[in-house]
Amino acid sequence: EEDRTASRAVHRSPMAWLWFGAAEEDDIYLDDVEPPFWETDVVTLGERERRQANYYEGLQPLWPRLGQLMVMAFTVKGVVHALENFTGKKVAGTSQPNITLENFRDLIETALEYARVQSTDVKLRRTGDPSPVTAHPGYEAIVHKTNPDAPFTVVLDEEPMTIDDVIDILKHRKRVMENCARREKLVKAVVWWRVGKPPRVIREEVWREEVRLVAEAKRLGNKPPRSIFGTDMESEVLRPVENDKRQEMKVTLEEHPAGLTSLNWPEEHETWYNQLLQHELNRFELELSRMEYTVTMGLKVGPDGKIQRRRKNRVCCGAL
């Protein structure tokens, strides 16, 4: 079997040949070039892995500690940024740099180091100890570990994440995005159970219920019920129901003029980084598709983002 890194011809799709014509002089062969990382199995699931069922319900956080979630979200963001701005030898006939597996691992390593710095630079509000959520049995809150000497800085785990951990997340990105969405849905419900739903959400729910009752009354030929909007009952109905009162803590006057501050719940921190991780994984998927499409179609994209026209000189058909 031939070595994958040996000299190999550039194969384009029939549509690419139809659109762009014959190959240019420097587009015919690649000598001793490693394949790009997206042509390997490092970010592609096998058939068996793709068929595995997903039993995650969102009751447990994606990672036990908030610091782990922050590092992974910032790392994926850094990887996407590095892929978008990577410069180097291009795949023949295209404007896409040839990002090998070694290059890809180097990008992840750099992104991991920077993500740990970013995570410790973020200043988070003081967080209270969450009480059990009776409305959602089995729910586990994420742990926000801080240092008493630096209460606004998250403490990262002693065992740092590795390059292989990040690659595993990127490989299973679709499942992780699905898990982020499931966890985010439950986290939002828990936050609303603790501090109460926002008035706009309550207003919409009440309005939808009134529309349903009016439609049912018309169907049965009954008198439509009276709306609570514009009455003395509106403010009472739209008032949020708080099941877990915010904890308070005495602080210095330099931190807060009142000498007292309200504590956040850990879910209010977690939701930001669940959304960030889901968003950046989606960006990674789009960037991967863009690179694959550019190579498959043999496109050359200029700095302005427009596809450049091919040069007129062509190689003789006999040379192909």
Protein backbone atom coordinates (compact mmCIF):
# COMPACT_ATOMS: atom_id res chain seq x y z
CA GLU A 1 0.00 0.00 0.00
CA GLU A 2 1.34 3.42 -0.94
CA ASP A 3 2.42 5.81 1.80
CA ARG A 4 -0.08 8.62 2.36
CA THR A 5 2.73 11.16 2.48
CA ALA A 6 4.17 10.06 -0.87
CA SER A 7 3.75 12.02 -4.08
CA ARG A 8 0.06 12.11 -4.98
CA ALA A 9 -1.93 13.70 -7.77
CA VAL A 10 -4.50 16.37 -7.13
CA HIS A 11 -8.00 15.04 -7.79
CA ARG A 12 -10.83 17.47 -8.35
CA SER A 13 -14.48 16.80 -8.73
CA PRO A 14 -15.94 16.81 -12.27
CA MET A 15 -17.85 19.98 -11.37
CA ALA A 16 -14.60 21.70 -10.41
CA TRP A 17 -13.03 20.78 -13.75
CA LEU A 18 -16.14 22.02 -15.56
CA TRP A 19 -16.11 25.35 -13.76
CA PHE A 20 -12.43 26.12 -13.57
CA GLY A 21 -10.94 24.23 -16.52
CA ALA A 22 -7.65 22.37 -16.60
CA ALA A 23 -5.08 22.53 -13.85
CA GLU A 24 -2.49 25.23 -13.61
CA GLU A 25 1.19 24.42 -13.80
CA ASP A 26 1.66 24.37 -10.02
CA ASP A 27 -1.55 22.44 -9.36
CA ILE A 28 -0.71 19.00 -10.70
CA TYR A 29 1.33 17.17 -8.05
CA LEU A 30 2.15 17.50 -4.39
CA ASP A 31 5.49 15.96 -3.42
CA ASP A 32 5.97 14.61 0.11
CA VAL A 33 3.07 16.59 1.58
CA GLU A 34 1.16 15.32 4.60
CA PRO A 35 -2.64 15.33 4.23
CA PRO A 36 -4.63 18.01 6.06
CA PHE A 37 -6.01 17.03 9.45
CA TRP A 38 -9.63 16.98 8.26
CA GLU A 39 -8.77 14.08 5.90
CA THR A 40 -7.75 11.94 8.89
CA ASP A 41 -10.04 10.38 11.48
CA VAL A 42 -9.00 12.83 14.21
CA VAL A 43 -12.17 14.95 13.89
CA THR A 44 -14.42 12.40 12.15
CA LEU A 45 -16.58 9.84 13.91
CA GLY A 46 -16.64 6.25 12.79
CA GLU A 47 -19.86 4.51 11.82
CA ARG A 48 -20.13 2.72 15.16
CA GLU A 49 -19.53 5.91 17.18
CA ARG A 50 -22.10 7.76 15.10
CA ARG A 51 -24.80 5.19 15.93
CA GLN A 52 -24.25 5.30 19.71
CA ALA A 53 -27.27 6.54 21.66
CA ASN A 54 -27.06 9.71 23.72
CA TYR A 55 -28.55 9.20 27.19
CA TYR A 56 -27.48 12.55 28.64
CA GLU A 57 -30.47 14.36 30.17
CA GLY A 58 -28.76 17.50 31.45
CA LEU A 59 -29.04 16.68 35.15
CA GLN A 60 -25.25 16.67 35.59
CA PRO A 61 -22.97 19.48 34.37
CA LEU A 62 -20.78 18.77 31.34
CA TRP A 63 -17.78 19.04 33.69
CA PRO A 64 -17.93 18.93 37.50
CA ARG A 65 -16.17 22.30 37.97
CA LEU A 66 -16.84 25.66 36.40
CA GLY A 67 -13.12 26.15 35.71
CA GLN A 68 -13.05 23.08 33.46
CA LEU A 69 -16.01 24.36 31.43
CA MET A 70 -14.41 27.79 31.07
CA VAL A 71 -11.07 26.37 29.89
CA MET A 72 -12.72 24.12 27.30
CA ALA A 73 -14.95 26.92 25.96
CA PHE A 74 -12.03 29.33 25.64
CA THR A 75 -9.85 26.61 24.09
CA VAL A 76 -12.33 25.81 21.32
CA LYS A 77 -12.69 29.53 20.68
CA GLY A 78 -8.91 29.85 20.36
CA VAL A 79 -8.70 26.84 18.00
CA VAL A 80 -11.32 28.32 15.68
CA HIS A 81 -9.53 31.68 15.67
CA ALA A 82 -6.21 29.96 14.89
CA LEU A 83 -7.73 27.98 12.01
CA GLU A 84 -9.23 31.13 10.52
CA ASN A 85 -5.88 32.95 10.64
CA PHE A 86 -3.49 30.10 9.87
CA THR A 87 -0.80 30.90 7.29
CA GLY A 88 1.52 28.44 5.61
CA LYS A 89 2.03 26.36 2.50
CA LYS A 90 -1.26 26.08 0.67
CA VAL A 91 -2.93 23.04 -0.79
CA ALA A 92 -2.08 23.09 -4.50
CA GLY A 93 -4.56 24.99 -6.62
CA THR A 94 -6.38 26.55 -3.67
CA SER A 95 -6.04 29.38 -1.19
CA GLN A 96 -6.46 27.00 1.76
CA PRO A 97 -3.32 26.41 3.87
CA ASN A 98 -2.42 22.77 4.36
CA ILE A 99 -2.99 22.36 8.12
CA THR A 100 -1.50 19.00 8.98
CA LEU A 101 -2.28 16.96 12.08
CA GLU A 102 0.94 18.16 13.68
CA ASN A 103 -0.04 21.78 12.98
CA PHE A 104 -3.50 21.09 14.40
CA ARG A 105 -2.13 19.70 17.66
CA ASP A 106 0.23 22.68 17.97
CA LEU A 107 -2.74 25.05 17.56
CA ILE A 108 -4.65 23.22 20.28
CA GLU A 109 -1.68 23.31 22.65
CA THR A 110 -1.32 27.07 22.20
CA ALA A 111 -5.07 27.59 22.61
CA LEU A 112 -5.05 25.52 25.83
CA GLU A 113 -2.31 27.62 27.38
CA TYR A 114 -4.05 30.86 26.48
CA ALA A 115 -7.43 29.54 27.67
CA ARG A 116 -6.07 28.94 31.17
CA VAL A 117 -4.82 32.52 31.27
CA GLN A 118 -8.17 33.82 30.01
CA SER A 119 -10.09 31.81 32.60
CA THR A 120 -8.08 33.22 35.50
CA ASP A 121 -8.38 36.75 34.11
CA VAL A 122 -12.20 36.65 34.17
CA LYS A 123 -13.64 38.26 37.29
CA LEU A 124 -16.79 36.46 38.44
CA ARG A 125 -19.23 37.71 41.06
CA ARG A 126 -19.29 36.03 44.43
CA THR A 127 -21.26 32.79 44.40
CA GLY A 128 -23.40 31.25 47.12
CA ASP A 129 -23.86 27.61 48.11
CA PRO A 130 -26.77 26.20 46.08
CA SER A 131 -29.60 24.47 47.88
CA PRO A 132 -31.28 21.29 46.52
CA VAL A 133 -33.66 21.91 43.61
CA THR A 134 -36.89 20.17 44.54
CA ALA A 135 -38.49 20.95 41.19
CA HIS A 136 -35.89 18.86 39.34
CA PRO A 137 -34.96 15.67 41.24
CA GLY A 138 -31.46 14.44 40.50
CA TYR A 139 -30.18 17.83 39.41
CA GLU A 140 -26.52 18.55 40.23
CA ALA A 141 -25.14 22.08 40.32
CA ILE A 142 -21.73 22.89 38.91
CA VAL A 143 -18.99 23.59 41.49
CA HIS A 144 -17.47 27.07 41.43
CA LYS A 145 -14.20 26.81 43.35
CA THR A 146 -12.53 30.05 44.43
CA ASN A 147 -9.60 31.13 46.58
CA PRO A 148 -10.48 33.12 49.74
CA ASP A 149 -7.65 35.53 48.93
CA ALA A 150 -9.00 36.05 45.37
CA PRO A 151 -12.79 35.51 45.59
CA PHE A 152 -13.48 36.77 42.06
CA THR A 153 -11.04 34.41 40.32
CA VAL A 154 -11.91 30.82 39.47
CA VAL A 155 -9.54 28.12 40.71
CA LEU A 156 -8.52 25.74 37.93
CA ASP A 157 -8.06 22.04 38.57
CA GLU A 158 -4.66 20.68 39.42
CA GLU A 159 -4.95 18.17 36.55
CA PRO A 160 -5.07 20.37 33.42
CA MET A 161 -6.88 19.33 30.29
CA THR A 162 -4.75 17.77 27.57
CA ILE A 163 -4.63 18.09 23.79
CA ASP A 164 -6.36 14.72 23.48
CA ASP A 165 -9.22 15.95 25.70
CA VAL A 166 -9.82 18.86 23.32
CA ILE A 167 -9.57 16.64 20.24
CA ASP A 168 -12.15 14.28 21.78
CA ILE A 169 -14.56 17.20 22.25
CA LEU A 170 -13.98 18.43 18.69
CA LYS A 171 -14.47 14.91 17.34
CA HIS A 172 -17.77 14.47 19.20
CA ARG A 173 -18.76 18.11 18.61
CA LYS A 174 -22.32 17.40 17.45
CA ARG A 175 -23.10 15.35 20.54
CA VAL A 176 -21.46 17.92 22.81
CA MET A 177 -23.51 20.71 21.20
CA GLU A 178 -26.65 18.65 21.79
CA ASN A 179 -25.62 18.10 25.42
CA CYS A 180 -24.93 21.84 25.83
CA ALA A 181 -28.46 22.58 24.63
CA ARG A 182 -29.99 20.02 27.01
CA ARG A 183 -28.02 21.29 29.98
CA GLU A 184 -28.75 24.92 29.09
CA LYS A 185 -32.48 24.22 29.00
CA LEU A 186 -32.39 22.70 32.48
CA VAL A 187 -30.05 25.38 33.87
CA LYS A 188 -32.45 28.09 32.70
CA ALA A 189 -35.36 26.31 34.39
CA VAL A 190 -33.36 26.01 37.64
CA VAL A 191 -32.40 29.70 37.60
CA TRP A 192 -36.04 30.65 37.08
CA TRP A 193 -37.06 28.33 39.90
CA ARG A 194 -34.54 29.96 42.24
CA VAL A 195 -34.95 33.67 41.48
CA GLY A 196 -38.27 33.67 39.60
CA LYS A 197 -39.11 33.99 35.93
CA PRO A 198 -38.55 37.36 34.24
CA PRO A 199 -41.78 39.42 33.98
CA ARG A 200 -41.62 39.31 30.16
CA VAL A 201 -41.69 35.49 30.27
CA ILE A 202 -44.58 35.46 32.73
CA ARG A 203 -46.45 37.99 30.60
CA GLU A 204 -46.08 35.85 27.48
CA GLU A 205 -47.18 32.69 29.30
CA VAL A 206 -50.26 34.44 30.72
CA TRP A 207 -51.10 35.90 27.30
CA ARG A 208 -50.84 32.49 25.62
CA GLU A 209 -53.06 30.93 28.29
CA GLU A 210 -55.66 33.67 27.82
CA VAL A 211 -55.63 33.12 24.05
CA ARG A 212 -56.18 29.40 24.62
CA LEU A 213 -59.08 30.01 27.03
CA VAL A 214 -60.75 32.47 24.64
CA ALA A 215 -60.47 30.02 21.75
CA GLU A 216 -61.92 27.22 23.89
CA ALA A 217 -64.78 29.45 25.05
CA LYS A 218 -65.66 30.35 21.44
CA ARG A 219 -65.58 26.68 20.45
CA LEU A 220 -67.99 25.76 23.26
CA GLY A 221 -70.19 28.82 22.75
CA ASN A 222 -69.41 30.25 26.19
CA LYS A 223 -68.64 33.80 27.21
CA PRO A 224 -64.89 34.58 26.81
CA PRO A 225 -63.09 35.11 30.13
CA ARG A 226 -61.96 38.59 31.08
CA SER A 227 -58.31 39.48 30.56
CA ILE A 228 -56.20 40.39 33.58
CA PHE A 229 -54.16 42.89 31.54
CA GLY A 230 -55.10 46.46 32.35
CA THR A 231 -56.65 45.48 35.68
CA ASP A 232 -55.50 45.68 39.29
CA MET A 233 -54.60 41.97 39.15
CA GLU A 234 -51.92 42.43 36.46
CA SER A 235 -49.07 43.41 38.79
CA GLU A 236 -49.86 40.55 41.15
CA VAL A 237 -50.02 37.94 38.39
CA LEU A 238 -46.79 39.13 36.74
CA ARG A 239 -44.79 39.15 39.99
CA PRO A 240 -41.97 36.53 39.91
CA VAL A 241 -42.18 33.65 42.38
CA GLU A 242 -38.85 33.24 44.23
CA ASN A 243 -38.29 29.75 45.65
CA ASP A 244 -34.68 30.18 46.77
CA LYS A 245 -33.89 33.60 48.16
CA ARG A 246 -30.49 35.00 47.23
CA GLN A 247 -27.86 34.70 49.92
CA GLU A 248 -26.10 37.82 51.17
CA MET A 249 -22.59 38.35 52.44
CA LYS A 250 -20.87 41.11 54.37
CA VAL A 251 -18.04 42.72 52.39
CA THR A 252 -15.76 45.70 52.71
CA LEU A 253 -16.98 49.18 51.89
CA GLU A 254 -14.43 49.30 49.06
CA GLU A 255 -16.17 46.37 47.38
CA HIS A 256 -19.71 47.63 47.96
CA PRO A 257 -20.80 50.95 49.52
CA ALA A 258 -23.52 49.18 51.52
CA GLY A 259 -21.07 46.70 53.05
CA LEU A 260 -23.36 43.90 51.88
CA THR A 261 -23.62 42.09 48.54
CA SER A 262 -26.00 39.54 47.03
CA LEU A 263 -24.46 36.27 45.87
CA ASN A 264 -24.98 34.75 42.46
CA TRP A 265 -26.04 31.17 41.92
CA PRO A 266 -23.52 28.91 40.09
CA GLU A 267 -26.02 28.36 37.27
CA GLU A 268 -25.81 32.06 36.42
CA HIS A 269 -22.10 31.60 35.65
CA GLU A 270 -22.48 28.21 33.99
CA THR A 271 -25.02 29.37 31.43
CA TRP A 272 -22.59 31.83 29.81
CA TYR A 273 -19.93 29.20 29.17
CA ASN A 274 -22.40 26.51 28.08
CA GLN A 275 -23.59 28.93 25.42
CA LEU A 276 -20.02 29.92 24.51
CA LEU A 277 -18.92 26.29 24.08
CA GLN A 278 -21.95 25.45 21.95
CA HIS A 279 -21.42 28.54 19.79
CA GLU A 280 -17.70 27.89 19.24
CA LEU A 281 -18.25 24.23 18.38
CA ASN A 282 -20.75 25.35 15.76
CA ARG A 283 -18.14 27.80 14.41
CA PHE A 284 -15.61 24.96 14.27
CA GLU A 285 -18.06 22.86 12.25
CA LEU A 286 -18.59 25.74 9.80
CA GLU A 287 -14.85 26.40 9.47
CA LEU A 288 -14.20 22.71 8.84
CA SER A 289 -16.85 22.65 6.11
CA ARG A 290 -15.42 25.79 4.54
CA MET A 291 -11.89 24.34 4.38
CA GLU A 292 -13.10 21.05 2.92
CA TYR A 293 -15.23 22.82 0.32
CA THR A 294 -12.37 25.14 -0.69
CA VAL A 295 -10.05 22.18 -1.32
CA THR A 296 -12.66 20.00 -3.01
CA MET A 297 -13.72 22.71 -5.45
CA GLY A 298 -10.19 24.03 -5.97
CA LEU A 299 -11.09 27.59 -4.97
CA LYS A 300 -8.78 30.53 -4.54
CA VAL A 301 -10.33 33.12 -2.25
CA GLY A 302 -8.84 36.61 -2.07
CA PRO A 303 -8.37 38.78 1.02
CA ASP A 304 -11.74 40.39 0.29
CA GLY A 305 -13.47 37.02 0.57
CA LYS A 306 -14.27 36.81 -3.15
CA ILE A 307 -13.33 33.86 -5.35
CA GLN A 308 -10.50 34.80 -7.68
CA ARG A 309 -10.66 34.04 -11.38
CA ARG A 310 -8.34 31.39 -12.70
CA ARG A 311 -5.33 32.29 -14.84
CA LYS A 312 -5.71 31.72 -18.56
CA ASN A 313 -2.58 29.61 -19.13
CA ARG A 314 -3.35 25.89 -19.10
CA VAL A 315 -1.32 22.73 -19.07
CA CYS A 316 -1.50 20.56 -22.14
CA CYS A 317 -4.00 17.77 -21.81
CA GLY A 318 -1.25 15.24 -22.49
CA ALA A 319 0.58 16.37 -19.35
CA LEU A 320 -2.40 15.45 -17.23
